Protein backbone atom coordinates (compact mmCIF):
# COMPACT_ATOMS: atom_id res chain seq x y z
CA MET A 1 257.66 127.16 68.24
CA THR A 2 254.73 127.83 70.63
CA ARG A 3 251.79 125.37 70.76
CA ALA A 4 248.59 127.07 71.90
CA ILE A 5 246.24 124.79 73.85
CA GLU A 6 242.52 125.26 73.32
CA SER A 7 239.79 123.05 74.86
CA GLY A 8 237.66 121.23 72.36
CA ALA A 9 238.42 119.45 69.07
CA VAL A 10 238.82 121.23 65.75
CA SER A 11 235.31 121.36 64.38
CA CYS A 12 232.43 123.72 63.73
CA ALA A 13 231.15 122.99 67.17
CA TRP A 14 233.55 125.40 68.88
CA ARG A 15 232.02 128.01 71.10
CA ALA A 16 233.66 131.24 72.18
CA ARG A 17 234.43 131.22 75.89
CA ALA A 18 234.32 134.12 78.31
CA PRO A 19 237.19 136.63 78.06
CA GLU A 20 240.44 135.60 79.69
CA PRO A 21 242.16 138.93 80.42
CA ALA A 22 245.29 137.15 81.62
CA GLN A 23 245.96 135.92 78.04
CA ILE A 24 245.32 139.25 76.26
CA ALA A 25 248.39 141.36 75.53
CA GLU A 26 248.24 144.95 76.75
CA PRO A 27 248.00 147.27 73.73
CA ALA A 28 251.19 149.32 73.17
CA ALA A 29 250.41 152.90 72.15
CA GLN A 30 253.76 153.66 70.48
CA GLU A 31 255.02 150.15 69.62
CA PRO A 32 256.57 150.24 66.15
CA ALA A 33 255.14 147.94 63.56
CA SER A 34 256.72 144.48 63.42
CA GLU A 35 259.63 144.03 61.07
CA ASP A 36 257.50 141.48 59.28
CA ALA A 37 254.58 143.95 58.75
CA PRO A 38 254.18 144.93 55.07
CA GLU A 39 254.62 148.55 54.06
CA PRO A 40 251.33 150.45 53.62
CA ALA A 41 250.19 150.35 50.00
CA GLU A 42 250.81 153.52 47.97
CA PRO A 43 247.47 155.13 47.16
CA ALA A 44 246.57 155.54 43.50
CA ALA A 45 246.57 159.08 42.20
CA SER A 46 242.84 159.08 41.63
CA GLY A 47 241.97 156.64 44.46
CA PRO A 48 240.83 157.32 47.98
CA ASP A 49 243.26 158.35 50.69
CA PRO A 50 245.07 155.37 52.22
CA GLN A 51 243.85 154.08 55.59
CA PRO A 52 246.11 155.02 58.51
CA ALA A 53 247.92 152.28 60.41
CA ALA A 54 246.11 150.76 63.35
CA ASP A 55 246.24 152.92 66.43
CA ALA A 56 246.67 151.80 69.99
CA LYS A 57 243.04 150.70 70.28
CA SER A 58 243.41 148.15 67.48
CA GLY A 59 245.87 146.17 69.60
CA ALA A 60 249.58 145.59 69.22
CA GLY A 61 250.34 143.71 66.05
CA ALA A 62 246.99 144.52 64.32
CA VAL A 63 247.27 146.39 61.01
CA ALA A 64 244.28 147.86 59.12
CA GLY A 65 244.24 147.47 55.34
CA PRO A 66 242.33 149.47 52.73
CA GLU A 67 238.66 150.16 53.30
CA ASN A 68 236.49 147.00 53.21
CA ALA A 69 239.66 144.83 53.37
CA PRO A 70 240.24 142.60 56.42
CA ALA A 71 242.78 143.79 58.97
CA THR A 72 245.76 141.64 59.86
CA TYR A 73 247.39 140.55 63.06
CA HIS A 74 250.94 139.35 63.66
CA VAL A 75 251.21 136.47 66.10
CA LYS A 76 253.39 137.13 69.14
CA SER A 77 255.00 134.70 71.56
CA GLY A 78 252.38 133.36 74.02
CA ASP A 79 249.40 134.08 71.72
CA THR A 80 246.57 131.60 71.24
CA LEU A 81 243.95 131.63 68.53
CA GLY A 82 241.23 131.88 71.17
CA GLY A 83 242.94 134.81 72.89
CA ILE A 84 243.36 136.68 69.60
CA ALA A 85 239.71 136.03 68.69
CA ARG A 86 238.46 137.32 72.04
CA ALA A 87 240.69 140.40 71.87
CA HIS A 88 239.17 141.32 68.48
CA GLY A 89 235.55 140.53 69.33
CA VAL A 90 235.18 137.52 67.02
CA THR A 91 234.69 133.81 67.56
CA VAL A 92 237.42 131.22 67.21
CA VAL A 93 235.40 129.58 64.40
CA GLU A 94 235.27 132.83 62.39
CA LEU A 95 238.98 133.54 62.88
CA HIS A 96 240.00 129.99 61.98
CA GLU A 97 237.74 129.85 58.90
CA LEU A 98 239.35 133.06 57.58
CA ASN A 99 242.87 131.66 58.17
CA ARG A 100 242.35 127.93 57.44
CA ASP A 101 244.92 127.98 54.60
CA THR A 102 247.70 129.30 56.83
CA VAL A 103 246.49 127.80 60.12
CA PRO A 104 245.21 124.26 59.42
CA ASN A 105 245.53 123.37 63.11
CA PRO A 106 243.94 126.04 65.32
CA ASP A 107 245.95 124.74 68.29
CA LEU A 108 249.26 125.46 66.54
CA ILE A 109 250.26 129.03 65.61
CA HIS A 110 253.75 130.56 65.44
CA PRO A 111 255.21 133.94 66.42
CA GLY A 112 255.46 136.23 63.35
CA GLN A 113 252.58 134.44 61.57
CA GLN A 114 250.14 136.90 59.93
CA LEU A 115 246.43 136.36 60.53
CA LEU A 116 243.48 137.98 58.84
CA LEU A 117 240.86 139.56 61.10
CA PRO A 118 237.19 139.30 59.98
CA SER A 119 235.49 142.55 58.89
CA GLY A 120 238.44 144.65 59.99
CA ASP A 121 236.99 144.85 63.52
CA PRO A 122 239.30 146.70 65.87
CA ALA A 123 240.65 145.01 68.93
CA ILE A 124 238.55 145.12 72.06
CA GLU A 125 240.09 146.89 74.97
CA PRO A 126 240.44 144.46 77.87
CA VAL A 127 238.04 145.16 80.69
CA PRO A 128 240.00 145.78 83.86
CA ALA A 129 239.11 143.43 86.67
CA ALA A 130 236.93 145.00 89.30
CA LYS A 131 238.77 145.70 92.49
CA ALA A 132 237.46 143.67 95.35
CA GLU A 133 235.98 145.85 98.01
CA PRO A 134 237.22 144.97 101.45
CA THR A 135 234.67 142.94 103.33
CA PRO A 136 233.72 144.65 106.54
CA ALA A 137 234.37 142.62 109.63
CA PRO A 138 231.17 141.03 110.89
CA GLU A 139 229.68 142.55 113.93
CA PRO A 140 230.06 140.33 116.97
CA ALA A 141 226.95 138.34 117.65
CA PRO A 142 225.18 139.16 120.85
CA ALA A 143 225.99 136.83 123.66
CA ALA A 144 223.55 133.95 123.78
CA VAL A 145 221.27 134.02 126.74
CA PRO A 146 221.08 130.50 128.14
CA GLU A 147 217.56 129.19 128.23
CA PRO A 148 216.39 127.77 131.51
CA VAL A 149 217.00 124.06 131.68
CA GLN A 150 213.85 122.10 132.24
CA ALA A 151 213.94 118.85 134.07
CA PRO A 152 213.17 115.92 131.75
CA ALA A 153 209.69 114.56 131.93
CA PRO A 154 209.53 111.40 133.99
CA VAL A 155 209.55 108.25 131.90
CA ALA A 156 206.66 106.00 132.66
CA GLU A 157 207.69 102.54 133.74
CA PRO A 158 206.41 99.85 131.38
CA ALA A 159 203.37 98.18 132.77
CA PRO A 160 203.93 94.56 133.71
CA ALA A 161 202.40 91.97 131.43
CA ALA A 162 198.78 91.45 132.31
CA ALA A 163 197.96 88.10 133.82
CA GLN A 164 195.57 85.90 131.92
CA GLY A 165 193.76 82.66 132.36
CA MET A 166 193.73 79.81 129.86
CA ILE A 167 191.23 79.14 127.12
CA LEU A 168 189.83 75.78 126.05
CA PRO A 169 192.26 74.55 123.39
CA VAL A 170 189.50 72.90 121.26
CA GLY A 171 186.57 75.06 122.32
CA ASP A 172 183.69 74.16 124.56
CA GLY A 173 182.25 70.68 124.22
CA PRO A 174 182.14 67.22 125.72
CA ARG A 175 184.88 65.82 127.93
CA SER A 176 185.44 62.09 128.04
CA SER A 177 187.79 61.98 131.04
CA GLY A 178 188.59 64.48 133.76
CA PHE A 179 191.65 65.20 135.83
CA GLY A 180 192.48 62.68 138.55
CA ALA A 181 190.33 59.84 137.24
CA ASN A 182 191.78 56.35 137.32
CA GLU A 183 192.75 54.81 133.98
CA PRO A 184 192.00 51.08 134.14
CA PHE A 185 193.76 50.30 130.87
CA ARG A 186 196.95 51.86 132.29
CA GLY A 187 196.87 49.98 135.59
CA GLY A 188 194.64 52.41 137.45
CA ILE A 189 197.14 55.28 137.60
CA ARG A 190 195.96 58.86 138.03
CA HIS A 191 194.76 60.69 134.89
CA THR A 192 196.95 63.78 134.64
CA GLY A 193 194.80 65.93 132.37
CA ILE A 194 191.43 66.38 130.62
CA ASP A 195 190.38 64.48 127.49
CA PHE A 196 188.35 66.33 124.85
CA PRO A 197 186.88 63.98 122.19
CA ARG A 198 186.85 65.79 118.84
CA PRO A 199 186.86 64.80 115.16
CA ALA A 200 190.25 64.09 113.61
CA GLY A 201 191.84 67.25 112.23
CA THR A 202 190.07 69.63 114.62
CA PRO A 203 192.46 72.61 115.17
CA ILE A 204 194.17 72.71 118.56
CA LYS A 205 194.93 76.20 119.93
CA ALA A 206 197.42 77.37 122.54
CA ALA A 207 195.62 77.75 125.88
CA ALA A 208 197.94 80.70 126.71
CA GLY A 209 200.90 82.51 125.20
CA GLY A 210 204.40 81.16 125.64
CA THR A 211 207.28 79.35 123.97
CA VAL A 212 207.17 75.89 122.46
CA ILE A 213 209.75 73.67 124.17
CA HIS A 214 208.69 70.34 122.64
CA ALA A 215 206.97 69.51 119.35
CA GLY A 216 206.94 66.00 117.91
CA TRP A 217 206.80 62.37 118.98
CA GLU A 218 206.84 61.76 122.70
CA GLN A 219 207.88 58.52 124.33
CA GLY A 220 205.53 57.25 127.02
CA GLY A 221 202.23 57.11 125.17
CA GLY A 222 201.56 60.74 124.25
CA GLY A 223 202.22 60.25 120.55
CA ASN A 224 202.61 63.51 118.66
CA SER A 225 202.53 66.21 121.32
CA VAL A 226 203.35 69.86 121.97
CA VAL A 227 204.57 71.39 125.25
CA ILE A 228 204.42 75.18 125.84
CA ASP A 229 206.34 77.01 128.57
CA HIS A 230 204.18 79.87 129.90
CA GLY A 231 206.81 81.16 132.31
CA ASN A 232 206.89 81.13 136.08
CA GLY A 233 207.11 77.34 136.08
CA VAL A 234 203.77 76.76 134.30
CA PHE A 235 203.55 74.42 131.27
CA SER A 236 200.78 72.97 129.12
CA ARG A 237 200.84 69.72 127.11
CA TYR A 238 198.69 68.77 124.08
CA ALA A 239 198.96 65.03 123.28
CA HIS A 240 197.81 62.45 120.67
CA GLN A 241 197.86 64.96 117.77
CA SER A 242 197.51 63.81 114.18
CA ALA A 243 199.73 66.68 112.98
CA VAL A 244 202.00 69.08 114.88
CA GLY A 245 201.97 72.68 113.58
CA VAL A 246 204.79 74.35 115.55
CA ALA A 247 208.49 73.86 116.28
CA PRO A 248 210.69 74.04 119.41
CA GLY A 249 211.69 77.60 120.27
CA GLN A 250 208.69 79.13 118.50
CA LYS A 251 206.76 81.87 120.33
CA VAL A 252 202.99 81.45 120.25
CA ARG A 253 200.07 83.64 121.30
CA GLN A 254 196.98 82.56 123.14
CA GLY A 255 194.55 81.06 120.64
CA GLU A 256 197.20 80.42 117.96
CA PRO A 257 196.84 77.02 116.20
CA ILE A 258 199.55 74.55 117.23
CA GLY A 259 198.31 71.23 115.76
CA GLN A 260 195.33 68.99 115.00
CA VAL A 261 193.34 66.41 116.97
CA GLY A 262 194.29 62.77 116.34
CA THR A 263 194.75 59.41 118.04
CA THR A 264 198.52 58.83 117.98
CA GLY A 265 200.35 57.12 120.84
CA ASN A 266 198.47 55.28 123.60
CA SER A 267 194.95 56.34 122.55
CA THR A 268 191.55 54.65 122.00
CA GLY A 269 190.14 57.29 119.62
CA ASN A 270 190.42 60.81 118.28
CA HIS A 271 190.72 63.21 121.21
CA LEU A 272 192.97 65.85 122.77
CA HIS A 273 194.68 65.01 126.05
CA PHE A 274 195.33 68.41 127.69
CA GLU A 275 197.56 68.88 130.75
CA VAL A 276 198.76 71.77 132.92
CA LEU A 277 202.01 71.19 134.82
CA GLU A 278 203.77 73.22 137.47
CA GLY A 279 207.50 73.17 138.22
CA SER A 280 208.49 70.67 135.51
CA TRP A 281 206.90 69.09 132.46
CA VAL A 282 208.94 65.88 132.41
CA ASP A 283 206.85 63.70 134.76
CA PRO A 284 203.12 64.57 134.69
CA GLN A 285 202.43 62.14 137.55
CA LYS A 286 204.52 64.39 139.79
CA SER A 287 203.90 67.86 138.33
CA GLY A 288 200.49 67.58 136.66
CA VAL A 289 197.79 69.80 138.23
CA ASP A 290 194.09 70.25 137.62
CA PRO A 291 193.64 72.50 134.54
CA GLY A 292 190.21 73.61 135.83
CA PRO A 293 191.37 76.65 137.86
CA TYR A 294 193.41 77.92 134.91
CA LEU A 295 190.52 77.42 132.47
CA SER A 296 188.08 79.18 134.79
CA GLY A 297 190.41 82.15 135.38
CA ALA A 298 190.93 81.38 139.06
CA LYS A 299 194.66 80.88 138.31
CA HIS A 300 196.65 82.93 135.80
CA VAL A 301 199.78 82.86 133.72
CA SER A 302 201.77 85.88 132.46
CA ALA A 303 200.53 87.27 129.15
CA GLY A 304 204.13 87.98 128.15
CA ALA A 305 205.44 84.55 129.12
CA THR A 306 208.47 83.40 127.20
CA GLN A 307 210.85 80.51 127.47
CA ARG A 308 213.90 81.12 129.64
CA GLY A 309 217.37 79.67 129.23
CA THR A 310 217.27 78.76 125.52
CA GLY A 311 220.88 79.80 124.86
CA ALA A 312 223.57 77.26 124.08
CA GLY A 313 225.30 77.76 127.41
CA ASP A 314 222.64 79.29 129.67
CA ALA A 315 222.46 77.34 132.84
CA GLY A 316 220.35 79.95 134.61
CA GLY A 317 217.08 78.78 132.99
CA ARG A 318 215.24 75.51 133.01
CA THR A 319 215.74 74.52 129.39
CA HIS A 320 218.49 74.25 126.79
CA THR A 321 218.06 74.21 123.01
CA VAL A 322 220.31 71.63 121.36
CA GLN A 323 222.87 73.18 118.99
CA PRO A 324 224.63 71.47 116.04
CA GLY A 325 227.42 69.23 117.38
CA ASP A 326 225.95 69.03 120.89
CA THR A 327 226.02 65.81 122.89
CA MET A 328 224.34 65.11 126.22
CA GLY A 329 227.78 64.80 127.86
CA ALA A 330 229.02 68.09 126.40
CA ILE A 331 225.84 69.90 127.46
CA ALA A 332 226.05 68.54 130.99
CA THR A 333 229.71 69.57 131.27
CA ARG A 334 229.09 73.04 129.86
CA LEU A 335 226.11 73.67 132.16
CA GLY A 336 227.81 72.15 135.19
CA ILE A 337 225.21 69.50 135.95
CA PRO A 338 225.59 65.70 136.33
CA LEU A 339 225.07 63.80 133.07
CA GLN A 340 222.69 61.29 134.72
CA GLN A 341 220.55 64.15 136.01
CA LEU A 342 220.26 65.55 132.47
CA ILE A 343 219.37 62.11 131.06
CA ASP A 344 216.74 61.46 133.76
CA ALA A 345 215.14 64.89 133.29
CA ASN A 346 214.67 64.28 129.56
CA ARG A 347 213.93 60.56 129.44
CA ALA A 348 210.40 61.14 128.09
CA THR A 349 211.60 63.03 125.02
CA VAL A 350 215.12 61.58 124.68
CA PRO A 351 214.82 57.81 125.16
CA ASN A 352 218.29 57.33 123.69
CA PRO A 353 220.72 59.87 125.24
CA ASN A 354 223.14 59.24 122.40
CA VAL A 355 220.68 60.65 119.85
CA ILE A 356 219.68 64.31 120.13
CA VAL A 357 218.92 66.70 117.26
CA PRO A 358 219.52 70.46 116.84
CA GLY A 359 216.50 72.49 117.93
CA GLN A 360 215.42 69.94 120.50
CA VAL A 361 214.68 71.51 123.91
CA LEU A 362 216.06 69.78 127.00
CA GLN A 363 215.16 70.22 130.64
CA VAL A 364 218.25 71.26 132.59
CA GLY A 365 216.84 71.71 136.11
């Protein structure tokens, strides 16, 4: 038994597919009728002449009946319902509908089975496949002429960051104490900055661009303060703030708000204590300089100043940002510096060397 495989389920939604010549049997011009084919009906004496048997063009196995009667086809080994339908120019749906009683399953037909052909249409001669013409060999492409190589245009070196002076961090206005003045209430020591009396909450702006290396409470009388590293060993400090608006490691631009005026720490009223330091920011008495030349533009800082040495193990810079799990001893060992030197350099911001917090910036030399 041969099971013919057709794509699609058995329903009225079938669609005839394009001819598949490989599945169509070549018509046999002189093939004798199958042993199962019925004998032609004897014509009645007064009736029309009987129809001749199907010739070679009707396809092997196809037999024509009387006029207006459907032709028949005898299933051969390897046949499919779709192949028979295509060979006779009809759709699978039409052929199956005409033979539903004998072929309930269009995917299952048997050799020797007799099928009715709609309208007695003769079989369609298979169309021979067109012979492929040989493809001429492509002509060789002309040899490419190398284009002259041009030297690349010179790349302009990036311009160095423009130098800039400092701006007044709280704008122009009165000054209650200048640089170098004695401070009687602190034992007559040198005043290391300029005091700007302003109302509480007045915004404080960065005098120049740089990286915040300290933001928060400062031991030694500064209260809430911010320190910015402007690069090239120049720092600025903003003390006695009521609220700090930045964090260690943050990059700031000139004129960017960093906090608000207050009177925290050793202070007699709302004001900003502003310092400029050179070389180190730890001890203003040693490194504090007159901010005047920077504010007037006589001295400059780099516009692209950034903090150096903020990595966890970078001993080449001047600062180190505390990482989770760090201790002063571990930092000193990793950076190859004496522990006491690290403690002394950060005594103002780390009064207890056993307590440091991630994000805190330490001076390392």
